[in-house]
Amino acid sequence: MAASLGLRLKAATSTLRSGAAATLRPRTWSWETAKRCRGFCSEAENDVPTSGIGRPLAKILKELNKKVPDSAIKTRVEDGFSMKYIPWHTVNRIMNLHAPEWSGEVRSVTYSPDGNTVTVAYRVTLYGTDAEIYRESTGTTSVNDKGYGDPVQKAEAMAFRRACARLGLGLHLYHEDAL
């Protein structure tokens, strides 16, 4: 289904380029636009992000590798350690903004033999005009975690964020202490 979605989006893009819908102008998105909107203002929510449609994969990856605005980064404390992260819904928005032809899927959900943890494997695929690539990652969480959401949901969000980081999105957060 993801491949057919990509083909439909590519077909729609070629229609726009052919002039059949010349009155529609794709909006040019940039990190500066995101910063002005504090990352994701209502103006940005109502516009259709089209900057990634019909672009080579190298350009999409270049955009995803840019530093994420500080307004999109959250901090939480776990076991006495403070850690920065980007919420899954924000990662989803950034992917829609810069790589609108992406797809994601849960590859597996596995409970540990003792039933104390659950691990989710997730795959993110990017579709460019010249190629497509995917990255997979896993997320594991305790089934006894009392925080918000169920354990599978938490593990999936973690795996999704990590797979996107393997494409460069938010990767700078993993190396901030070394900089």
N, C-alpha and C. Protein backbone atom coordinates (compact mmCIF):
# COMPACT_ATOMS: atom_id res chain seq x y z
N MET A 1 0.82 -1.19 0.00
CA MET A 1 0.00 0.00 0.00
C MET A 1 0.87 1.26 0.00
N ALA A 2 1.97 1.23 0.76
CA ALA A 2 2.84 2.40 0.83
C ALA A 2 3.41 2.73 -0.54
N ALA A 3 3.76 1.67 -1.30
CA ALA A 3 4.30 1.92 -2.63
C ALA A 3 3.24 2.55 -3.53
N SER A 4 1.99 2.07 -3.40
CA SER A 4 0.95 2.65 -4.24
C SER A 4 0.67 4.09 -3.84
N LEU A 5 0.77 4.39 -2.53
CA LEU A 5 0.60 5.77 -2.07
C LEU A 5 1.68 6.65 -2.68
N GLY A 6 2.93 6.14 -2.65
CA GLY A 6 4.04 6.89 -3.25
C GLY A 6 3.81 7.13 -4.72
N LEU A 7 3.29 6.13 -5.44
CA LEU A 7 3.02 6.29 -6.86
C LEU A 7 1.92 7.31 -7.11
N ARG A 8 0.90 7.28 -6.24
CA ARG A 8 -0.17 8.26 -6.40
C ARG A 8 0.33 9.67 -6.15
N LEU A 9 1.18 9.83 -5.13
CA LEU A 9 1.73 11.15 -4.85
C LEU A 9 2.62 11.62 -5.99
N LYS A 10 3.42 10.70 -6.56
CA LYS A 10 4.27 11.06 -7.69
C LYS A 10 3.42 11.45 -8.90
N ALA A 11 2.30 10.74 -9.10
CA ALA A 11 1.41 11.08 -10.21
C ALA A 11 0.81 12.46 -10.00
N ALA A 12 0.42 12.75 -8.76
CA ALA A 12 -0.14 14.08 -8.46
C ALA A 12 0.90 15.16 -8.67
N THR A 13 2.14 14.86 -8.33
CA THR A 13 3.21 15.83 -8.52
C THR A 13 3.43 16.11 -9.99
N SER A 14 3.41 15.07 -10.82
CA SER A 14 3.63 15.29 -12.24
C SER A 14 2.47 16.09 -12.83
N THR A 15 1.26 15.93 -12.28
CA THR A 15 0.13 16.74 -12.73
C THR A 15 0.39 18.21 -12.40
N LEU A 16 0.90 18.48 -11.20
CA LEU A 16 1.21 19.86 -10.83
C LEU A 16 2.27 20.44 -11.75
N ARG A 17 3.30 19.64 -12.08
CA ARG A 17 4.36 20.14 -12.93
C ARG A 17 3.89 20.38 -14.36
N SER A 18 2.90 19.59 -14.80
CA SER A 18 2.46 19.72 -16.18
C SER A 18 1.61 20.98 -16.41
N GLY A 19 1.19 21.61 -15.33
CA GLY A 19 0.46 22.86 -15.47
C GLY A 19 -1.04 22.69 -15.38
N ALA A 20 -1.52 21.46 -15.23
CA ALA A 20 -2.96 21.22 -15.16
C ALA A 20 -3.56 21.91 -13.94
N ALA A 21 -2.78 22.04 -12.90
CA ALA A 21 -3.26 22.71 -11.69
C ALA A 21 -2.33 23.87 -11.38
N ALA A 22 -2.13 24.72 -12.33
CA ALA A 22 -1.16 25.81 -12.20
C ALA A 22 -1.54 26.81 -11.12
N THR A 23 -2.81 26.81 -10.70
CA THR A 23 -3.20 27.77 -9.67
C THR A 23 -2.69 27.35 -8.29
N LEU A 24 -2.34 26.07 -8.12
CA LEU A 24 -1.80 25.61 -6.85
C LEU A 24 -0.30 25.85 -6.82
N ARG A 25 0.16 26.52 -5.80
CA ARG A 25 1.60 26.77 -5.65
C ARG A 25 2.10 26.04 -4.43
N PRO A 26 3.05 25.10 -4.60
CA PRO A 26 3.56 24.44 -3.41
C PRO A 26 4.26 25.43 -2.50
N ARG A 27 4.03 25.28 -1.21
CA ARG A 27 4.67 26.16 -0.25
C ARG A 27 6.09 25.69 -0.02
N THR A 28 7.01 26.61 0.04
CA THR A 28 8.39 26.29 0.32
C THR A 28 8.58 26.31 1.82
N TRP A 29 8.99 25.18 2.37
CA TRP A 29 9.20 25.04 3.80
C TRP A 29 10.67 25.11 4.11
N SER A 30 10.98 25.63 5.25
CA SER A 30 12.36 25.66 5.71
C SER A 30 12.34 25.58 7.23
N TRP A 31 13.51 25.35 7.80
CA TRP A 31 13.60 25.35 9.25
C TRP A 31 13.29 26.74 9.79
N GLU A 32 13.58 27.77 9.01
CA GLU A 32 13.26 29.13 9.45
C GLU A 32 11.74 29.30 9.59
N THR A 33 10.98 28.75 8.63
CA THR A 33 9.52 28.79 8.73
C THR A 33 9.07 28.07 9.99
N ALA A 34 9.66 26.91 10.24
CA ALA A 34 9.29 26.14 11.42
C ALA A 34 9.61 26.91 12.70
N LYS A 35 10.75 27.58 12.72
CA LYS A 35 11.12 28.36 13.91
C LYS A 35 10.16 29.51 14.13
N ARG A 36 9.80 30.22 13.04
CA ARG A 36 8.87 31.33 13.17
C ARG A 36 7.53 30.85 13.72
N CYS A 37 7.14 29.67 13.35
CA CYS A 37 5.86 29.11 13.80
C CYS A 37 6.02 28.33 15.09
N ARG A 38 7.18 28.52 15.75
CA ARG A 38 7.51 27.76 16.96
C ARG A 38 7.44 26.29 16.66
N GLY A 39 7.80 25.94 15.43
CA GLY A 39 7.84 24.54 15.04
C GLY A 39 6.59 24.11 14.31
N PHE A 40 5.42 24.41 14.85
CA PHE A 40 4.23 23.82 14.28
C PHE A 40 2.98 24.63 14.62
N CYS A 41 2.89 25.86 14.09
CA CYS A 41 1.76 26.72 14.39
C CYS A 41 0.55 26.34 13.54
N SER A 42 -0.57 26.95 13.82
CA SER A 42 -1.80 26.61 13.09
C SER A 42 -1.68 26.93 11.61
N GLU A 43 -0.91 27.97 11.26
CA GLU A 43 -0.72 28.27 9.83
C GLU A 43 -0.05 27.09 9.14
N ALA A 44 0.95 26.52 9.77
CA ALA A 44 1.65 25.39 9.18
C ALA A 44 0.75 24.16 9.15
N GLU A 45 -0.14 24.01 10.12
CA GLU A 45 -1.01 22.85 10.16
C GLU A 45 -2.02 22.86 9.01
N ASN A 46 -2.44 24.02 8.59
CA ASN A 46 -3.46 24.11 7.55
C ASN A 46 -2.90 24.02 6.14
N ASP A 47 -1.62 24.26 5.97
CA ASP A 47 -1.01 24.17 4.66
C ASP A 47 -0.60 22.74 4.35
N VAL A 48 -0.63 22.41 3.08
CA VAL A 48 -0.21 21.08 2.65
C VAL A 48 1.29 21.11 2.41
N PRO A 49 2.07 20.34 3.19
CA PRO A 49 3.52 20.35 2.98
C PRO A 49 3.87 19.62 1.68
N THR A 50 4.56 20.29 0.79
CA THR A 50 4.88 19.70 -0.50
C THR A 50 6.34 19.82 -0.86
N SER A 51 7.17 20.26 0.06
CA SER A 51 8.56 20.49 -0.28
C SER A 51 9.30 19.21 -0.62
N GLY A 52 8.85 18.07 -0.10
CA GLY A 52 9.55 16.83 -0.35
C GLY A 52 9.04 16.06 -1.54
N ILE A 53 7.88 16.42 -2.04
CA ILE A 53 7.29 15.67 -3.14
C ILE A 53 8.10 15.89 -4.41
N GLY A 54 8.47 14.78 -5.01
CA GLY A 54 9.18 14.86 -6.28
C GLY A 54 10.61 15.33 -6.17
N ARG A 55 11.28 15.06 -5.04
CA ARG A 55 12.66 15.47 -4.87
C ARG A 55 13.57 14.25 -4.78
N PRO A 56 14.82 14.43 -5.17
CA PRO A 56 15.78 13.32 -5.01
C PRO A 56 15.99 13.01 -3.53
N LEU A 57 16.33 11.77 -3.28
CA LEU A 57 16.53 11.32 -1.92
C LEU A 57 17.61 12.11 -1.19
N ALA A 58 18.66 12.49 -1.85
CA ALA A 58 19.75 13.24 -1.21
C ALA A 58 19.25 14.56 -0.64
N LYS A 59 18.35 15.23 -1.33
CA LYS A 59 17.82 16.50 -0.84
C LYS A 59 16.92 16.29 0.38
N ILE A 60 16.14 15.22 0.36
CA ILE A 60 15.28 14.91 1.50
C ILE A 60 16.14 14.61 2.73
N LEU A 61 17.16 13.80 2.55
CA LEU A 61 18.05 13.45 3.66
C LEU A 61 18.79 14.67 4.19
N LYS A 62 19.15 15.58 3.31
CA LYS A 62 19.84 16.80 3.74
C LYS A 62 18.93 17.62 4.66
N GLU A 63 17.66 17.72 4.33
CA GLU A 63 16.70 18.45 5.18
C GLU A 63 16.50 17.75 6.52
N LEU A 64 16.40 16.42 6.49
CA LEU A 64 16.17 15.68 7.73
C LEU A 64 17.37 15.75 8.66
N ASN A 65 18.56 15.96 8.13
CA ASN A 65 19.77 16.01 8.94
C ASN A 65 20.02 17.37 9.59
N LYS A 66 19.18 18.35 9.31
CA LYS A 66 19.34 19.66 9.93
C LYS A 66 18.95 19.59 11.41
N LYS A 67 19.50 20.49 12.18
CA LYS A 67 19.21 20.55 13.61
C LYS A 67 17.73 20.89 13.82
N VAL A 68 17.11 20.17 14.71
CA VAL A 68 15.70 20.39 15.04
C VAL A 68 15.61 21.63 15.93
N PRO A 69 14.63 22.52 15.69
CA PRO A 69 14.48 23.71 16.54
C PRO A 69 14.30 23.34 18.00
N ASP A 70 14.90 24.14 18.87
CA ASP A 70 14.82 23.87 20.32
C ASP A 70 13.38 23.81 20.82
N SER A 71 12.49 24.54 20.17
CA SER A 71 11.09 24.55 20.61
C SER A 71 10.42 23.19 20.43
N ALA A 72 10.99 22.33 19.58
CA ALA A 72 10.41 21.00 19.34
C ALA A 72 10.99 19.94 20.27
N ILE A 73 12.00 20.28 21.03
CA ILE A 73 12.70 19.32 21.89
C ILE A 73 12.14 19.38 23.31
N LYS A 74 11.86 18.24 23.87
CA LYS A 74 11.35 18.12 25.24
C LYS A 74 12.43 17.47 26.11
N THR A 75 12.29 17.61 27.42
CA THR A 75 13.21 17.00 28.37
C THR A 75 12.42 16.20 29.39
N ARG A 76 12.93 15.02 29.73
CA ARG A 76 12.31 14.23 30.79
C ARG A 76 13.41 13.66 31.68
N VAL A 77 13.05 13.34 32.89
CA VAL A 77 14.01 12.78 33.85
C VAL A 77 13.64 11.33 34.10
N GLU A 78 14.60 10.43 33.89
CA GLU A 78 14.41 9.01 34.15
C GLU A 78 15.56 8.51 34.99
N ASP A 79 15.26 7.88 36.09
CA ASP A 79 16.28 7.34 36.99
C ASP A 79 17.31 8.39 37.39
N GLY A 80 16.86 9.63 37.58
CA GLY A 80 17.76 10.70 38.01
C GLY A 80 18.55 11.34 36.90
N PHE A 81 18.40 10.88 35.66
CA PHE A 81 19.12 11.44 34.53
C PHE A 81 18.16 12.24 33.65
N SER A 82 18.61 13.42 33.25
CA SER A 82 17.82 14.27 32.36
C SER A 82 18.16 13.93 30.92
N MET A 83 17.14 13.73 30.09
CA MET A 83 17.39 13.42 28.68
C MET A 83 16.47 14.23 27.77
N LYS A 84 17.04 14.66 26.66
CA LYS A 84 16.28 15.40 25.66
C LYS A 84 15.74 14.41 24.63
N TYR A 85 14.54 14.71 24.13
CA TYR A 85 13.93 13.87 23.11
C TYR A 85 12.96 14.70 22.29
N ILE A 86 12.57 14.15 21.17
CA ILE A 86 11.56 14.78 20.31
C ILE A 86 10.34 13.87 20.38
N PRO A 87 9.17 14.37 20.80
CA PRO A 87 7.98 13.52 20.87
C PRO A 87 7.67 12.90 19.51
N TRP A 88 7.10 11.71 19.53
CA TRP A 88 6.83 10.98 18.29
C TRP A 88 5.94 11.78 17.34
N HIS A 89 4.97 12.52 17.88
CA HIS A 89 4.05 13.28 17.01
C HIS A 89 4.78 14.43 16.33
N THR A 90 5.81 14.98 16.98
CA THR A 90 6.61 16.03 16.36
C THR A 90 7.50 15.44 15.27
N VAL A 91 8.07 14.27 15.54
CA VAL A 91 8.87 13.58 14.52
C VAL A 91 7.99 13.29 13.31
N ASN A 92 6.77 12.86 13.56
CA ASN A 92 5.82 12.57 12.48
C ASN A 92 5.57 13.82 11.63
N ARG A 93 5.36 14.96 12.29
CA ARG A 93 5.14 16.22 11.57
C ARG A 93 6.34 16.61 10.73
N ILE A 94 7.54 16.48 11.31
CA ILE A 94 8.75 16.83 10.58
C ILE A 94 8.91 15.92 9.36
N MET A 95 8.62 14.64 9.53
CA MET A 95 8.69 13.71 8.39
C MET A 95 7.68 14.12 7.32
N ASN A 96 6.47 14.46 7.72
CA ASN A 96 5.46 14.90 6.75
C ASN A 96 5.89 16.18 6.05
N LEU A 97 6.59 17.03 6.76
CA LEU A 97 7.02 18.31 6.22
C LEU A 97 8.14 18.15 5.19
N HIS A 98 9.14 17.38 5.53
CA HIS A 98 10.33 17.29 4.67
C HIS A 98 10.40 16.04 3.81
N ALA A 99 9.62 15.03 4.11
CA ALA A 99 9.62 13.79 3.33
C ALA A 99 8.20 13.26 3.24
N PRO A 100 7.30 14.01 2.61
CA PRO A 100 5.88 13.63 2.64
C PRO A 100 5.57 12.26 2.03
N GLU A 101 6.50 11.70 1.30
CA GLU A 101 6.26 10.39 0.71
C GLU A 101 6.85 9.26 1.55
N TRP A 102 7.01 9.47 2.84
CA TRP A 102 7.55 8.43 3.71
C TRP A 102 6.46 7.47 4.13
N SER A 103 6.86 6.31 4.59
CA SER A 103 5.91 5.38 5.17
C SER A 103 6.56 4.70 6.36
N GLY A 104 5.76 4.20 7.26
CA GLY A 104 6.26 3.51 8.43
C GLY A 104 5.40 2.31 8.76
N GLU A 105 6.04 1.30 9.34
CA GLU A 105 5.29 0.11 9.69
C GLU A 105 5.93 -0.62 10.86
N VAL A 106 5.08 -1.19 11.69
CA VAL A 106 5.54 -2.05 12.77
C VAL A 106 5.89 -3.39 12.13
N ARG A 107 7.12 -3.83 12.36
CA ARG A 107 7.59 -5.10 11.78
C ARG A 107 7.33 -6.27 12.72
N SER A 108 7.44 -6.03 14.01
CA SER A 108 7.16 -7.11 14.96
C SER A 108 6.92 -6.52 16.35
N VAL A 109 6.19 -7.28 17.15
CA VAL A 109 5.97 -6.98 18.56
C VAL A 109 6.33 -8.26 19.31
N THR A 110 7.35 -8.18 20.18
CA THR A 110 7.84 -9.37 20.86
C THR A 110 7.89 -9.13 22.37
N TYR A 111 7.28 -10.03 23.12
CA TYR A 111 7.36 -9.98 24.57
C TYR A 111 8.52 -10.86 25.03
N SER A 112 9.22 -10.42 26.07
CA SER A 112 10.32 -11.22 26.61
C SER A 112 9.76 -12.52 27.17
N PRO A 113 10.60 -13.56 27.28
CA PRO A 113 10.13 -14.84 27.81
C PRO A 113 9.49 -14.74 29.20
N ASP A 114 10.00 -13.82 30.03
CA ASP A 114 9.42 -13.67 31.36
C ASP A 114 8.21 -12.73 31.38
N GLY A 115 7.90 -12.11 30.22
CA GLY A 115 6.74 -11.24 30.12
C GLY A 115 6.91 -9.87 30.74
N ASN A 116 8.14 -9.50 31.12
CA ASN A 116 8.37 -8.21 31.78
C ASN A 116 8.61 -7.06 30.81
N THR A 117 9.03 -7.33 29.59
CA THR A 117 9.30 -6.27 28.61
C THR A 117 8.66 -6.61 27.27
N VAL A 118 8.45 -5.56 26.50
CA VAL A 118 7.96 -5.72 25.13
C VAL A 118 8.88 -4.93 24.22
N THR A 119 9.21 -5.53 23.07
CA THR A 119 10.06 -4.89 22.08
C THR A 119 9.31 -4.77 20.77
N VAL A 120 9.35 -3.59 20.18
CA VAL A 120 8.71 -3.34 18.89
C VAL A 120 9.80 -3.00 17.88
N ALA A 121 9.75 -3.65 16.72
CA ALA A 121 10.64 -3.31 15.61
C ALA A 121 9.83 -2.48 14.62
N TYR A 122 10.41 -1.39 14.16
CA TYR A 122 9.70 -0.43 13.30
C TYR A 122 10.57 -0.11 12.09
N ARG A 123 9.95 0.05 10.93
CA ARG A 123 10.65 0.41 9.69
C ARG A 123 10.09 1.70 9.13
N VAL A 124 10.98 2.64 8.79
CA VAL A 124 10.62 3.88 8.12
C VAL A 124 11.23 3.84 6.73
N THR A 125 10.42 4.10 5.71
CA THR A 125 10.89 4.10 4.33
C THR A 125 10.72 5.49 3.74
N LEU A 126 11.76 6.00 3.07
CA LEU A 126 11.72 7.28 2.36
C LEU A 126 11.69 7.00 0.87
N TYR A 127 10.84 7.74 0.16
CA TYR A 127 10.73 7.60 -1.29
C TYR A 127 11.18 8.89 -1.96
N GLY A 128 12.23 8.82 -2.72
CA GLY A 128 12.71 9.96 -3.50
C GLY A 128 12.40 9.71 -4.97
N THR A 129 12.67 10.69 -5.81
CA THR A 129 12.44 10.52 -7.24
C THR A 129 13.45 9.55 -7.84
N ASP A 130 14.60 9.40 -7.19
CA ASP A 130 15.67 8.57 -7.74
C ASP A 130 15.85 7.24 -7.03
N ALA A 131 15.35 7.11 -5.82
CA ALA A 131 15.55 5.88 -5.05
C ALA A 131 14.64 5.88 -3.84
N GLU A 132 14.62 4.74 -3.16
CA GLU A 132 13.95 4.65 -1.88
C GLU A 132 14.86 3.89 -0.93
N ILE A 133 14.83 4.30 0.35
CA ILE A 133 15.62 3.61 1.36
C ILE A 133 14.78 3.42 2.61
N TYR A 134 15.19 2.47 3.42
CA TYR A 134 14.50 2.28 4.69
C TYR A 134 15.52 2.09 5.80
N ARG A 135 15.08 2.39 7.00
CA ARG A 135 15.87 2.16 8.19
C ARG A 135 14.94 1.55 9.24
N GLU A 136 15.47 0.59 9.98
CA GLU A 136 14.70 -0.07 11.03
C GLU A 136 15.37 0.14 12.37
N SER A 137 14.57 0.09 13.41
CA SER A 137 15.09 0.16 14.76
C SER A 137 14.10 -0.49 15.70
N THR A 138 14.52 -0.65 16.95
CA THR A 138 13.66 -1.27 17.95
C THR A 138 13.48 -0.34 19.15
N GLY A 139 12.44 -0.58 19.87
CA GLY A 139 12.18 0.11 21.12
C GLY A 139 11.70 -0.91 22.13
N THR A 140 12.21 -0.85 23.33
CA THR A 140 11.84 -1.81 24.38
C THR A 140 11.41 -1.06 25.61
N THR A 141 10.35 -1.53 26.22
CA THR A 141 9.86 -0.90 27.45
C THR A 141 9.33 -1.97 28.40
N SER A 142 9.28 -1.63 29.65
CA SER A 142 8.77 -2.53 30.68
C SER A 142 7.25 -2.56 30.63
N VAL A 143 6.68 -3.72 30.81
CA VAL A 143 5.21 -3.81 30.82
C VAL A 143 4.64 -3.26 32.13
N ASN A 144 5.50 -3.07 33.12
CA ASN A 144 5.07 -2.55 34.43
C ASN A 144 5.22 -1.05 34.54
N ASP A 145 5.67 -0.38 33.48
CA ASP A 145 5.85 1.07 33.50
C ASP A 145 4.50 1.74 33.73
N LYS A 146 4.45 2.61 34.73
CA LYS A 146 3.19 3.26 35.12
C LYS A 146 2.96 4.60 34.44
N GLY A 147 3.84 5.01 33.52
CA GLY A 147 3.69 6.29 32.83
C GLY A 147 2.51 6.27 31.87
N TYR A 148 2.39 7.34 31.12
CA TYR A 148 1.28 7.51 30.19
C TYR A 148 1.38 6.50 29.03
N GLY A 149 0.29 5.90 28.65
CA GLY A 149 0.23 5.00 27.50
C GLY A 149 0.55 3.57 27.86
N ASP A 150 0.18 2.67 26.95
CA ASP A 150 0.45 1.26 27.19
C ASP A 150 1.87 0.92 26.72
N PRO A 151 2.44 -0.19 27.17
CA PRO A 151 3.82 -0.53 26.86
C PRO A 151 4.11 -0.67 25.35
N VAL A 152 3.19 -1.25 24.61
CA VAL A 152 3.42 -1.42 23.17
C VAL A 152 3.47 -0.06 22.49
N GLN A 153 2.58 0.83 22.90
CA GLN A 153 2.56 2.19 22.34
C GLN A 153 3.88 2.89 22.62
N LYS A 154 4.40 2.77 23.82
CA LYS A 154 5.67 3.41 24.18
C LYS A 154 6.83 2.83 23.40
N ALA A 155 6.87 1.51 23.29
CA ALA A 155 7.95 0.85 22.55
C ALA A 155 7.89 1.22 21.07
N GLU A 156 6.68 1.33 20.51
CA GLU A 156 6.54 1.72 19.11
C GLU A 156 7.04 3.14 18.88
N ALA A 157 6.66 4.06 19.76
CA ALA A 157 7.10 5.45 19.63
C ALA A 157 8.62 5.54 19.71
N MET A 158 9.22 4.79 20.61
CA MET A 158 10.67 4.78 20.76
C MET A 158 11.33 4.23 19.49
N ALA A 159 10.80 3.13 18.97
CA ALA A 159 11.36 2.52 17.76
C ALA A 159 11.21 3.45 16.56
N PHE A 160 10.07 4.12 16.45
CA PHE A 160 9.83 5.07 15.36
C PHE A 160 10.83 6.21 15.40
N ARG A 161 11.01 6.82 16.59
CA ARG A 161 11.97 7.92 16.72
C ARG A 161 13.38 7.47 16.38
N ARG A 162 13.75 6.28 16.83
CA ARG A 162 15.10 5.77 16.56
C ARG A 162 15.30 5.47 15.07
N ALA A 163 14.29 4.94 14.41
CA ALA A 163 14.41 4.67 12.97
C ALA A 163 14.56 5.99 12.22
N CYS A 164 13.83 7.01 12.63
CA CYS A 164 13.96 8.33 11.99
C CYS A 164 15.34 8.93 12.27
N ALA A 165 15.88 8.70 13.47
CA ALA A 165 17.22 9.18 13.80
C ALA A 165 18.25 8.51 12.90
N ARG A 166 18.02 7.27 12.52
CA ARG A 166 18.94 6.58 11.61
C ARG A 166 18.91 7.20 10.21
N LEU A 167 17.86 7.97 9.93
CA LEU A 167 17.80 8.74 8.67
C LEU A 167 18.33 10.15 8.88
N GLY A 168 18.71 10.48 10.11
CA GLY A 168 19.32 11.78 10.41
C GLY A 168 18.45 12.71 11.23
N LEU A 169 17.18 12.43 11.38
CA LEU A 169 16.27 13.34 12.07
C LEU A 169 16.51 13.31 13.58
N GLY A 170 16.97 14.42 14.12
CA GLY A 170 17.23 14.53 15.55
C GLY A 170 18.50 13.82 15.99
N LEU A 171 19.30 13.41 15.05
CA LEU A 171 20.52 12.67 15.37
C LEU A 171 21.48 13.51 16.21
N HIS A 172 21.40 14.83 16.06
CA HIS A 172 22.29 15.71 16.84
C HIS A 172 22.07 15.57 18.35
N LEU A 173 20.89 15.13 18.77
CA LEU A 173 20.61 14.98 20.20
C LEU A 173 21.46 13.87 20.83
N TYR A 174 21.85 12.90 20.04
CA TYR A 174 22.65 11.80 20.56
C TYR A 174 24.10 12.21 20.76
N HIS A 175 24.51 13.30 20.13
CA HIS A 175 25.92 13.71 20.15
C HIS A 175 26.14 15.07 20.79
N GLU A 176 25.13 15.65 21.42
CA GLU A 176 25.26 17.00 21.99
C GLU A 176 26.36 17.09 23.04
N ASP A 177 26.49 16.08 23.88
CA ASP A 177 27.50 16.13 24.93
C ASP A 177 28.92 16.12 24.38
N ALA A 178 29.10 15.53 23.22
CA ALA A 178 30.43 15.44 22.61
C ALA A 178 30.81 16.72 21.88
N LEU A 179 29.83 17.57 21.59
CA LEU A 179 30.11 18.79 20.81
C LEU A 179 30.66 19.90 21.64
